[in-house]
């Protein structure tokens, strides 16, 4: 999965739940803050499917908190 597609899905999930997705930065990973929970996304143009599913699952857990 392309990184930008993953970030769009993350943004869509957060907007649907009415939660803010904030880009914090980072060196080796992009860090996003959702309800005080940090979600790390690697800075590669391609993210493996298994890792993308794990990241989206983390986003869903962060939204519920």
Protein backbone atom coordinates (compact mmCIF):
# COMPACT_ATOMS: atom_id res chain seq x y z
CA UNK A 1 0.00 0.00 0.00
CA UNK A 2 1.24 3.48 -0.77
CA UNK A 3 2.05 5.56 2.29
CA UNK A 4 -0.14 8.44 1.18
CA UNK A 5 -3.11 6.05 0.72
CA UNK A 6 -2.55 4.76 4.26
CA UNK A 7 -2.46 8.31 5.61
CA UNK A 8 -5.69 9.13 3.74
CA UNK A 9 -7.39 6.10 5.30
CA UNK A 10 -6.16 7.17 8.72
CA UNK A 11 -7.52 10.67 8.15
CA UNK A 12 -10.85 9.31 6.90
CA UNK A 13 -11.24 7.10 10.00
CA UNK A 14 -10.48 10.01 12.30
CA UNK A 15 -12.82 12.42 10.54
CA UNK A 16 -15.64 9.86 10.59
CA UNK A 17 -15.18 9.52 14.35
CA UNK A 18 -14.85 13.29 14.88
CA UNK A 19 -11.29 12.97 16.21
CA UNK A 20 -8.30 15.12 15.28
CA UNK A 21 -5.33 13.48 13.53
CA UNK A 22 -2.23 15.55 14.25
CA UNK A 23 1.12 15.04 12.48
CA UNK A 24 3.87 15.38 15.08
CA UNK A 25 6.98 14.69 12.98
CA UNK A 26 9.77 12.27 13.68
CA UNK A 27 13.08 11.19 12.17
CA UNK A 28 12.78 7.60 10.97
CA UNK A 29 9.00 7.41 11.27
CA UNK A 30 6.18 9.90 10.87
CA UNK A 31 4.34 10.18 14.15
CA UNK A 32 0.65 10.94 14.39
CA UNK A 33 -1.21 11.79 17.60
CA UNK A 34 -4.77 10.61 18.04
CA UNK A 35 -6.40 11.17 21.44
CA UNK A 36 -2.99 11.30 23.18
CA UNK A 37 -1.94 8.02 21.52
CA UNK A 38 1.07 8.05 19.18
CA UNK A 39 0.86 6.01 15.97
CA UNK A 40 4.09 5.51 14.01
CA UNK A 41 4.18 5.20 10.22
CA UNK A 42 7.45 4.36 8.44
CA UNK A 43 8.77 6.92 5.97
CA UNK A 44 8.82 4.51 3.03
CA UNK A 45 6.77 5.14 -0.10
CA UNK A 46 5.44 1.57 0.13
CA UNK A 47 4.14 0.07 3.36
CA UNK A 48 3.57 -3.69 3.54
CA UNK A 49 -0.04 -4.87 3.68
CA UNK A 50 0.34 -6.58 7.07
CA UNK A 51 1.95 -3.48 8.60
CA UNK A 52 -0.74 -1.24 7.05
CA UNK A 53 -3.48 -3.40 8.63
CA UNK A 54 -1.69 -3.19 12.00
CA UNK A 55 -1.38 0.60 11.77
CA UNK A 56 -5.08 0.98 10.87
CA UNK A 57 -5.99 -1.30 13.80
CA UNK A 58 -3.88 0.92 16.08
CA UNK A 59 -5.72 3.98 14.74
CA UNK A 60 -9.09 2.37 15.47
CA UNK A 61 -7.98 1.54 19.04
CA UNK A 62 -6.72 5.12 19.54
CA UNK A 63 -10.07 6.52 18.34
CA UNK A 64 -11.99 4.44 20.88
CA UNK A 65 -9.95 5.77 23.83
